[in-house]
Protein backbone atom coordinates (compact mmCIF):
# COMPACT_ATOMS: atom_id res chain seq x y z
CA UNK A 1 0.00 0.00 0.00
CA UNK A 2 1.43 3.34 -0.98
CA UNK A 3 0.92 6.41 1.19
CA UNK A 4 1.76 10.03 0.56
CA UNK A 5 4.51 11.64 2.64
CA UNK A 6 5.30 15.35 2.84
CA UNK A 7 8.87 16.40 3.65
CA UNK A 8 10.39 19.82 4.25
CA UNK A 9 13.97 20.03 2.98
CA UNK A 10 16.45 22.68 1.98
CA UNK A 11 15.67 23.93 -1.54
CA UNK A 12 19.24 23.30 -2.76
CA UNK A 13 19.10 19.72 -1.50
CA UNK A 14 15.82 19.13 -3.32
CA UNK A 15 17.23 20.50 -6.57
CA UNK A 16 20.36 18.36 -6.28
CA UNK A 17 18.39 15.21 -5.50
CA UNK A 18 15.95 15.82 -8.35
CA UNK A 19 18.90 16.15 -10.72
CA UNK A 20 20.45 12.96 -9.32
CA UNK A 21 17.15 11.10 -9.68
CA UNK A 22 16.76 12.27 -13.28
CA UNK A 23 20.34 11.22 -14.15
CA UNK A 24 19.74 7.84 -12.48
CA UNK A 25 16.44 7.30 -14.34
CA UNK A 26 14.62 6.91 -11.01
CA UNK A 27 11.82 8.81 -9.40
CA UNK A 28 12.47 10.88 -6.32
CA UNK A 29 9.91 8.77 -4.46
CA UNK A 30 11.78 5.56 -5.32
CA UNK A 31 15.08 7.07 -4.12
CA UNK A 32 13.55 8.07 -0.80
CA UNK A 33 11.86 4.68 -0.41
CA UNK A 34 15.12 2.89 -1.18
CA UNK A 35 17.00 5.04 1.32
CA UNK A 36 14.45 4.36 4.05
CA UNK A 37 14.49 0.61 3.31
CA UNK A 38 18.29 0.54 3.59
CA UNK A 39 18.21 2.61 6.75
CA UNK A 40 15.77 0.23 8.44
CA UNK A 41 17.54 -2.93 7.25
CA UNK A 42 20.93 -1.63 8.48
CA UNK A 43 19.39 -1.07 11.89
CA UNK A 44 18.22 -4.68 11.92
CA UNK A 45 21.64 -5.99 10.82
CA UNK A 46 23.75 -5.23 13.88
CA UNK A 47 25.87 -8.35 13.44
CA UNK A 48 28.90 -7.77 11.22
CA UNK A 49 29.16 -9.94 8.15
CA UNK A 50 32.45 -11.64 7.35
CA UNK A 51 33.79 -13.41 4.31
CA UNK A 52 33.35 -17.20 4.18
CA UNK A 53 37.10 -17.68 4.85
CA UNK A 54 36.99 -15.56 8.00
CA UNK A 55 33.87 -17.41 9.17
CA UNK A 56 35.62 -20.73 8.56
CA UNK A 57 38.76 -19.71 10.45
CA UNK A 58 36.89 -18.09 13.31
CA UNK A 59 37.61 -19.94 16.55
CA UNK A 60 40.50 -22.01 15.16
CA UNK A 61 42.81 -20.52 17.80
CA UNK A 62 41.23 -20.02 21.20
CA UNK A 63 41.74 -16.89 23.31
CA UNK A 64 43.44 -19.09 25.89
CA UNK A 65 46.03 -20.21 23.34
CA UNK A 66 46.73 -16.57 22.40
CA UNK A 67 47.64 -15.52 25.94
CA UNK A 68 51.33 -14.81 26.33
CA UNK A 69 51.95 -14.49 22.59
CA UNK A 70 53.51 -11.20 21.48
CA UNK A 71 51.88 -11.05 18.05
CA UNK A 72 52.67 -7.36 17.58
CA UNK A 73 56.34 -8.05 18.31
CA UNK A 74 56.26 -10.92 15.83
CA UNK A 75 54.84 -8.70 13.09
CA UNK A 76 57.32 -5.89 13.80
CA UNK A 77 60.25 -8.34 13.55
CA UNK A 78 58.86 -9.96 10.41
CA UNK A 79 58.39 -6.69 8.52
CA UNK A 80 61.51 -4.76 9.60
PDB file of N, CA and C in Angstrom:
ATOM      1  N   UNK A   1       0.833  -1.171   0.000  1.00  0.00           N
ATOM      2  CA  UNK A   1       0.000   0.000   0.000  1.00  0.00           C
ATOM      3  C   UNK A   1       0.884   1.242   0.000  1.00  0.00           C
ATOM      4  N   UNK A   2       0.671   2.113  -0.910  1.00  0.00           N
ATOM      5  CA  UNK A   2       1.428   3.343  -0.984  1.00  0.00           C
ATOM      6  C   UNK A   2       0.692   4.451  -0.251  1.00  0.00           C
ATOM      7  N   UNK A   3       1.467   5.292   0.434  1.00  0.00           N
ATOM      8  CA  UNK A   3       0.923   6.406   1.189  1.00  0.00           C
ATOM      9  C   UNK A   3       1.737   7.647   0.876  1.00  0.00           C
ATOM     10  N   UNK A   4       1.091   8.772   0.841  1.00  0.00           N
ATOM     11  CA  UNK A   4       1.757  10.032   0.556  1.00  0.00           C
ATOM     12  C   UNK A   4       2.494  10.523   1.786  1.00  0.00           C
ATOM     13  N   UNK A   5       3.689  11.105   1.558  1.00  0.00           N
ATOM     14  CA  UNK A   5       4.514  11.638   2.636  1.00  0.00           C
ATOM     15  C   UNK A   5       4.984  13.024   2.220  1.00  0.00           C
ATOM     16  N   UNK A   6       4.846  13.988   3.113  1.00  0.00           N
ATOM     17  CA  UNK A   6       5.304  15.349   2.835  1.00  0.00           C
ATOM     18  C   UNK A   6       6.559  15.615   3.656  1.00  0.00           C
ATOM     19  N   UNK A   7       7.605  16.091   2.981  1.00  0.00           N
ATOM     20  CA  UNK A   7       8.868  16.396   3.650  1.00  0.00           C
ATOM     21  C   UNK A   7       9.227  17.855   3.425  1.00  0.00           C
ATOM     22  N   UNK A   8       9.874  18.466   4.400  1.00  0.00           N
ATOM     23  CA  UNK A   8      10.393  19.817   4.250  1.00  0.00           C
ATOM     24  C   UNK A   8      11.913  19.714   4.248  1.00  0.00           C
ATOM     25  N   UNK A   9      12.522  20.107   3.135  1.00  0.00           N
ATOM     26  CA  UNK A   9      13.966  20.025   2.977  1.00  0.00           C
ATOM     27  C   UNK A   9      14.502  21.329   2.414  1.00  0.00           C
ATOM     28  N   UNK A  10      15.788  21.525   2.557  1.00  0.00           N
ATOM     29  CA  UNK A  10      16.448  22.683   1.977  1.00  0.00           C
ATOM     30  C   UNK A  10      16.251  22.673   0.455  1.00  0.00           C
ATOM     31  N   UNK A  11      15.970  23.830  -0.112  1.00  0.00           N
ATOM     32  CA  UNK A  11      15.675  23.931  -1.540  1.00  0.00           C
ATOM     33  C   UNK A  11      16.844  23.427  -2.392  1.00  0.00           C
ATOM     34  N   UNK A  12      18.068  23.739  -1.993  1.00  0.00           N
ATOM     35  CA  UNK A  12      19.241  23.302  -2.758  1.00  0.00           C
ATOM     36  C   UNK A  12      19.382  21.781  -2.739  1.00  0.00           C
ATOM     37  N   UNK A  13      19.045  21.176  -1.607  1.00  0.00           N
ATOM     38  CA  UNK A  13      19.097  19.718  -1.496  1.00  0.00           C
ATOM     39  C   UNK A  13      18.065  19.096  -2.435  1.00  0.00           C
ATOM     40  N   UNK A  14      16.880  19.647  -2.445  1.00  0.00           N
ATOM     41  CA  UNK A  14      15.821  19.126  -3.317  1.00  0.00           C
ATOM     42  C   UNK A  14      16.240  19.206  -4.775  1.00  0.00           C
ATOM     43  N   UNK A  15      16.798  20.337  -5.181  1.00  0.00           N
ATOM     44  CA  UNK A  15      17.226  20.501  -6.573  1.00  0.00           C
ATOM     45  C   UNK A  15      18.316  19.491  -6.932  1.00  0.00           C
ATOM     46  N   UNK A  16      19.266  19.313  -6.033  1.00  0.00           N
ATOM     47  CA  UNK A  16      20.360  18.356  -6.281  1.00  0.00           C
ATOM     48  C   UNK A  16      19.840  16.929  -6.383  1.00  0.00           C
ATOM     49  N   UNK A  17      18.927  16.568  -5.506  1.00  0.00           N
ATOM     50  CA  UNK A  17      18.389  15.211  -5.498  1.00  0.00           C
ATOM     51  C   UNK A  17      17.522  14.962  -6.728  1.00  0.00           C
ATOM     52  N   UNK A  18      16.757  15.962  -7.139  1.00  0.00           N
ATOM     53  CA  UNK A  18      15.949  15.816  -8.353  1.00  0.00           C
ATOM     54  C   UNK A  18      16.855  15.589  -9.559  1.00  0.00           C
ATOM     55  N   UNK A  19      17.951  16.322  -9.622  1.00  0.00           N
ATOM     56  CA  UNK A  19      18.903  16.149 -10.723  1.00  0.00           C
ATOM     57  C   UNK A  19      19.518  14.749 -10.682  1.00  0.00           C
ATOM     58  N   UNK A  20      19.886  14.305  -9.484  1.00  0.00           N
ATOM     59  CA  UNK A  20      20.448  12.960  -9.320  1.00  0.00           C
ATOM     60  C   UNK A  20      19.433  11.900  -9.755  1.00  0.00           C
ATOM     61  N   UNK A  21      18.203  12.059  -9.334  1.00  0.00           N
ATOM     62  CA  UNK A  21      17.151  11.097  -9.684  1.00  0.00           C
ATOM     63  C   UNK A  21      16.960  11.053 -11.197  1.00  0.00           C
ATOM     64  N   UNK A  22      16.931  12.216 -11.820  1.00  0.00           N
ATOM     65  CA  UNK A  22      16.763  12.273 -13.275  1.00  0.00           C
ATOM     66  C   UNK A  22      17.923  11.563 -13.979  1.00  0.00           C
ATOM     67  N   UNK A  23      19.158  11.845 -13.537  1.00  0.00           N
ATOM     68  CA  UNK A  23      20.342  11.219 -14.146  1.00  0.00           C
ATOM     69  C   UNK A  23      20.397   9.712 -13.900  1.00  0.00           C
ATOM     70  N   UNK A  24      19.759   9.267 -12.823  1.00  0.00           N
ATOM     71  CA  UNK A  24      19.739   7.842 -12.483  1.00  0.00           C
ATOM     72  C   UNK A  24      18.524   7.125 -13.064  1.00  0.00           C
ATOM     73  N   UNK A  25      17.688   7.857 -13.780  1.00  0.00           N
ATOM     74  CA  UNK A  25      16.444   7.303 -14.335  1.00  0.00           C
ATOM     75  C   UNK A  25      15.566   6.680 -13.256  1.00  0.00           C
ATOM     76  N   UNK A  26      15.470   7.366 -12.117  1.00  0.00           N
ATOM     77  CA  UNK A  26      14.624   6.911 -11.014  1.00  0.00           C
ATOM     78  C   UNK A  26      13.762   8.076 -10.556  1.00  0.00           C
ATOM     79  N   UNK A  27      12.652   7.749  -9.953  1.00  0.00           N
ATOM     80  CA  UNK A  27      11.817   8.810  -9.396  1.00  0.00           C
ATOM     81  C   UNK A  27      12.360   9.200  -8.022  1.00  0.00           C
ATOM     82  N   UNK A  28      12.055  10.407  -7.632  1.00  0.00           N
ATOM     83  CA  UNK A  28      12.470  10.880  -6.316  1.00  0.00           C
ATOM     84  C   UNK A  28      11.831  10.019  -5.225  1.00  0.00           C
ATOM     85  N   UNK A  29      10.601   9.628  -5.434  1.00  0.00           N
ATOM     86  CA  UNK A  29       9.911   8.774  -4.462  1.00  0.00           C
ATOM     87  C   UNK A  29      10.629   7.441  -4.290  1.00  0.00           C
ATOM     88  N   UNK A  30      11.072   6.842  -5.408  1.00  0.00           N
ATOM     89  CA  UNK A  30      11.780   5.560  -5.323  1.00  0.00           C
ATOM     90  C   UNK A  30      13.121   5.713  -4.612  1.00  0.00           C
ATOM     91  N   UNK A  31      13.813   6.829  -4.828  1.00  0.00           N
ATOM     92  CA  UNK A  31      15.078   7.070  -4.124  1.00  0.00           C
ATOM     93  C   UNK A  31      14.864   7.168  -2.618  1.00  0.00           C
ATOM     94  N   UNK A  32      13.840   7.912  -2.225  1.00  0.00           N
ATOM     95  CA  UNK A  32      13.546   8.068  -0.796  1.00  0.00           C
ATOM     96  C   UNK A  32      13.139   6.726  -0.197  1.00  0.00           C
ATOM     97  N   UNK A  33      12.286   5.995  -0.901  1.00  0.00           N
ATOM     98  CA  UNK A  33      11.855   4.682  -0.414  1.00  0.00           C
ATOM     99  C   UNK A  33      13.048   3.739  -0.252  1.00  0.00           C
ATOM    100  N   UNK A  34      13.937   3.737  -1.231  1.00  0.00           N
ATOM    101  CA  UNK A  34      15.124   2.888  -1.180  1.00  0.00           C
ATOM    102  C   UNK A  34      16.019   3.274  -0.006  1.00  0.00           C
ATOM    103  N   UNK A  35      16.190   4.573   0.196  1.00  0.00           N
ATOM    104  CA  UNK A  35      17.004   5.045   1.320  1.00  0.00           C
ATOM    105  C   UNK A  35      16.408   4.583   2.651  1.00  0.00           C
ATOM    106  N   UNK A  36      15.104   4.769   2.809  1.00  0.00           N
ATOM    107  CA  UNK A  36      14.452   4.355   4.055  1.00  0.00           C
ATOM    108  C   UNK A  36      14.536   2.845   4.260  1.00  0.00           C
ATOM    109  N   UNK A  37      14.363   2.069   3.186  1.00  0.00           N
ATOM    110  CA  UNK A  37      14.486   0.608   3.307  1.00  0.00           C
ATOM    111  C   UNK A  37      15.888   0.209   3.778  1.00  0.00           C
ATOM    112  N   UNK A  38      16.915   0.829   3.191  1.00  0.00           N
ATOM    113  CA  UNK A  38      18.293   0.542   3.594  1.00  0.00           C
ATOM    114  C   UNK A  38      18.555   0.973   5.027  1.00  0.00           C
ATOM    115  N   UNK A  39      18.027   2.105   5.400  1.00  0.00           N
ATOM    116  CA  UNK A  39      18.206   2.612   6.755  1.00  0.00           C
ATOM    117  C   UNK A  39      17.638   1.644   7.785  1.00  0.00           C
ATOM    118  N   UNK A  40      16.437   1.158   7.516  1.00  0.00           N
ATOM    119  CA  UNK A  40      15.771   0.230   8.442  1.00  0.00           C
ATOM    120  C   UNK A  40      16.495  -1.115   8.459  1.00  0.00           C
ATOM    121  N   UNK A  41      16.892  -1.619   7.297  1.00  0.00           N
ATOM    122  CA  UNK A  41      17.539  -2.928   7.254  1.00  0.00           C
ATOM    123  C   UNK A  41      18.920  -2.885   7.906  1.00  0.00           C
ATOM    124  N   UNK A  42      19.633  -1.762   7.809  1.00  0.00           N
ATOM    125  CA  UNK A  42      20.932  -1.632   8.484  1.00  0.00           C
ATOM    126  C   UNK A  42      20.749  -1.646   9.989  1.00  0.00           C
ATOM    127  N   UNK A  43      19.664  -1.051  10.466  1.00  0.00           N
ATOM    128  CA  UNK A  43      19.387  -1.067  11.893  1.00  0.00           C
ATOM    129  C   UNK A  43      19.104  -2.466  12.400  1.00  0.00           C
ATOM    130  N   UNK A  44      18.527  -3.297  11.544  1.00  0.00           N
ATOM    131  CA  UNK A  44      18.220  -4.676  11.923  1.00  0.00           C
ATOM    132  C   UNK A  44      19.447  -5.569  11.835  1.00  0.00           C
ATOM    133  N   UNK A  45      20.431  -5.187  11.006  1.00  0.00           N
ATOM    134  CA  UNK A  45      21.639  -5.989  10.822  1.00  0.00           C
ATOM    135  C   UNK A  45      22.755  -5.446  11.703  1.00  0.00           C
ATOM    136  N   UNK A  46      22.709  -5.702  12.969  1.00  0.00           N
ATOM    137  CA  UNK A  46      23.755  -5.234  13.876  1.00  0.00           C
ATOM    138  C   UNK A  46      24.982  -6.138  13.821  1.00  0.00           C
ATOM    139  N   UNK A  47      24.770  -7.401  13.502  1.00  0.00           N
ATOM    140  CA  UNK A  47      25.873  -8.348  13.437  1.00  0.00           C
ATOM    141  C   UNK A  47      26.699  -8.080  12.182  1.00  0.00           C
ATOM    142  N   UNK A  48      28.012  -8.000  12.357  1.00  0.00           N
ATOM    143  CA  UNK A  48      28.896  -7.772  11.222  1.00  0.00           C
ATOM    144  C   UNK A  48      28.933  -9.019  10.348  1.00  0.00           C
ATOM    145  N   UNK A  49      29.061  -8.816   9.064  1.00  0.00           N
ATOM    146  CA  UNK A  49      29.164  -9.942   8.153  1.00  0.00           C
ATOM    147  C   UNK A  49      30.625 -10.109   7.753  1.00  0.00           C
ATOM    148  N   UNK A  50      31.066 -11.328   7.679  1.00  0.00           N
ATOM    149  CA  UNK A  50      32.447 -11.644   7.348  1.00  0.00           C
ATOM    150  C   UNK A  50      32.485 -12.541   6.118  1.00  0.00           C
ATOM    151  N   UNK A  51      33.632 -12.552   5.475  1.00  0.00           N
ATOM    152  CA  UNK A  51      33.795 -13.410   4.308  1.00  0.00           C
ATOM    153  C   UNK A  51      33.729 -14.871   4.738  1.00  0.00           C
ATOM    154  N   UNK A  52      33.419 -15.776   3.830  1.00  0.00           N
ATOM    155  CA  UNK A  52      33.351 -17.198   4.184  1.00  0.00           C
ATOM    156  C   UNK A  52      34.664 -17.720   4.786  1.00  0.00           C
ATOM    157  N   UNK A  53      35.814 -17.230   4.302  1.00  0.00           N
ATOM    158  CA  UNK A  53      37.101 -17.677   4.847  1.00  0.00           C
ATOM    159  C   UNK A  53      37.248 -17.265   6.301  1.00  0.00           C
ATOM    160  N   UNK A  54      36.895 -16.037   6.617  1.00  0.00           N
ATOM    161  CA  UNK A  54      36.988 -15.563   8.003  1.00  0.00           C
ATOM    162  C   UNK A  54      36.036 -16.351   8.885  1.00  0.00           C
ATOM    163  N   UNK A  55      34.829 -16.604   8.402  1.00  0.00           N
ATOM    164  CA  UNK A  55      33.873 -17.406   9.170  1.00  0.00           C
ATOM    165  C   UNK A  55      34.434 -18.801   9.443  1.00  0.00           C
ATOM    166  N   UNK A  56      35.071 -19.381   8.420  1.00  0.00           N
ATOM    167  CA  UNK A  56      35.624 -20.728   8.557  1.00  0.00           C
ATOM    168  C   UNK A  56      36.762 -20.770   9.568  1.00  0.00           C
ATOM    169  N   UNK A  57      37.591 -19.734   9.566  1.00  0.00           N
ATOM    170  CA  UNK A  57      38.757 -19.711  10.452  1.00  0.00           C
ATOM    171  C   UNK A  57      38.434 -19.219  11.859  1.00  0.00           C
ATOM    172  N   UNK A  58      37.282 -18.620  12.020  1.00  0.00           N
ATOM    173  CA  UNK A  58      36.888 -18.091  13.314  1.00  0.00           C
ATOM    174  C   UNK A  58      36.868 -19.197  14.367  1.00  0.00           C
ATOM    175  N   UNK A  59      37.579 -18.979  15.456  1.00  0.00           N
ATOM    176  CA  UNK A  59      37.609 -19.939  16.548  1.00  0.00           C
ATOM    177  C   UNK A  59      38.651 -21.033  16.410  1.00  0.00           C
ATOM    178  N   UNK A  60      39.471 -20.993  15.342  1.00  0.00           N
ATOM    179  CA  UNK A  60      40.498 -22.013  15.160  1.00  0.00           C
ATOM    180  C   UNK A  60      41.520 -21.934  16.295  1.00  0.00           C
ATOM    181  N   UNK A  61      41.880 -20.713  16.679  1.00  0.00           N
ATOM    182  CA  UNK A  61      42.805 -20.517  17.805  1.00  0.00           C
ATOM    183  C   UNK A  61      42.001 -19.890  18.936  1.00  0.00           C
ATOM    184  N   UNK A  62      42.008 -20.524  20.066  1.00  0.00           N
ATOM    185  CA  UNK A  62      41.232 -20.024  21.196  1.00  0.00           C
ATOM    186  C   UNK A  62      41.932 -18.825  21.837  1.00  0.00           C
ATOM    187  N   UNK A  63      41.167 -18.032  22.589  1.00  0.00           N
ATOM    188  CA  UNK A  63      41.741 -16.895  23.312  1.00  0.00           C
ATOM    189  C   UNK A  63      42.778 -17.379  24.308  1.00  0.00           C
ATOM    190  N   UNK A  64      42.515 -18.527  24.905  1.00  0.00           N
ATOM    191  CA  UNK A  64      43.437 -19.094  25.892  1.00  0.00           C
ATOM    192  C   UNK A  64      44.787 -19.386  25.248  1.00  0.00           C
ATOM    193  N   UNK A  65      44.784 -19.908  24.032  1.00  0.00           N
ATOM    194  CA  UNK A  65      46.031 -20.210  23.340  1.00  0.00           C
ATOM    195  C   UNK A  65      46.793 -18.950  22.946  1.00  0.00           C
ATOM    196  N   UNK A  66      46.101 -17.831  22.804  1.00  0.00           N
ATOM    197  CA  UNK A  66      46.732 -16.575  22.396  1.00  0.00           C
ATOM    198  C   UNK A  66      47.385 -15.834  23.556  1.00  0.00           C
ATOM    199  N   UNK A  67      47.062 -16.208  24.786  1.00  0.00           N
ATOM    200  CA  UNK A  67      47.640 -15.516  25.941  1.00  0.00           C
ATOM    201  C   UNK A  67      49.138 -15.775  25.987  1.00  0.00           C
ATOM    202  N   UNK A  68      49.880 -14.702  26.224  1.00  0.00           N
ATOM    203  CA  UNK A  68      51.327 -14.812  26.331  1.00  0.00           C
ATOM    204  C   UNK A  68      52.046 -14.725  24.990  1.00  0.00           C
ATOM    205  N   UNK A  69      51.323 -14.600  23.904  1.00  0.00           N
ATOM    206  CA  UNK A  69      51.946 -14.494  22.590  1.00  0.00           C
ATOM    207  C   UNK A  69      52.054 -13.015  22.223  1.00  0.00           C
ATOM    208  N   UNK A  70      53.278 -12.586  21.866  1.00  0.00           N
ATOM    209  CA  UNK A  70      53.514 -11.198  21.477  1.00  0.00           C
ATOM    210  C   UNK A  70      53.367 -11.094  19.962  1.00  0.00           C
ATOM    211  N   UNK A  71      52.139 -11.059  19.485  1.00  0.00           N
ATOM    212  CA  UNK A  71      51.881 -11.047  18.050  1.00  0.00           C
ATOM    213  C   UNK A  71      52.365  -9.750  17.412  1.00  0.00           C
ATOM    214  N   UNK A  72      52.209  -8.638  18.104  1.00  0.00           N
ATOM    215  CA  UNK A  72      52.672  -7.359  17.576  1.00  0.00           C
ATOM    216  C   UNK A  72      54.187  -7.381  17.411  1.00  0.00           C
ATOM    217  N   UNK A  73      54.877  -7.916  18.400  1.00  0.00           N
ATOM    218  CA  UNK A  73      56.336  -8.046  18.305  1.00  0.00           C
ATOM    219  C   UNK A  73      56.747  -8.944  17.143  1.00  0.00           C
ATOM    220  N   UNK A  74      56.008 -10.015  16.953  1.00  0.00           N
ATOM    221  CA  UNK A  74      56.263 -10.923  15.832  1.00  0.00           C
ATOM    222  C   UNK A  74      56.132 -10.203  14.501  1.00  0.00           C
ATOM    223  N   UNK A  75      55.054  -9.417  14.342  1.00  0.00           N
ATOM    224  CA  UNK A  75      54.838  -8.698  13.088  1.00  0.00           C
ATOM    225  C   UNK A  75      55.899  -7.618  12.875  1.00  0.00           C
ATOM    226  N   UNK A  76      56.281  -6.922  13.931  1.00  0.00           N
ATOM    227  CA  UNK A  76      57.322  -5.894  13.799  1.00  0.00           C
ATOM    228  C   UNK A  76      58.642  -6.514  13.354  1.00  0.00           C
ATOM    229  N   UNK A  77      59.014  -7.666  13.935  1.00  0.00           N
ATOM    230  CA  UNK A  77      60.252  -8.338  13.548  1.00  0.00           C
ATOM    231  C   UNK A  77      60.171  -8.865  12.125  1.00  0.00           C
ATOM    232  N   UNK A  78      59.030  -9.378  11.743  1.00  0.00           N
ATOM    233  CA  UNK A  78      58.859  -9.957  10.414  1.00  0.00           C
ATOM    234  C   UNK A  78      58.957  -8.905   9.326  1.00  0.00           C
ATOM    235  N   UNK A  79      58.443  -7.709   9.570  1.00  0.00           N
ATOM    236  CA  UNK A  79      58.391  -6.690   8.521  1.00  0.00           C
ATOM    237  C   UNK A  79      59.382  -5.551   8.698  1.00  0.00           C
ATOM    238  N   UNK A  80      60.466  -5.804   9.440  1.00  0.00           N
ATOM    239  CA  UNK A  80      61.511  -4.761   9.597  1.00  0.00           C
ATOM    240  C   UNK A  80      62.266  -4.559   8.334  1.00  0.00           C
TER     241      UNK A  80
END
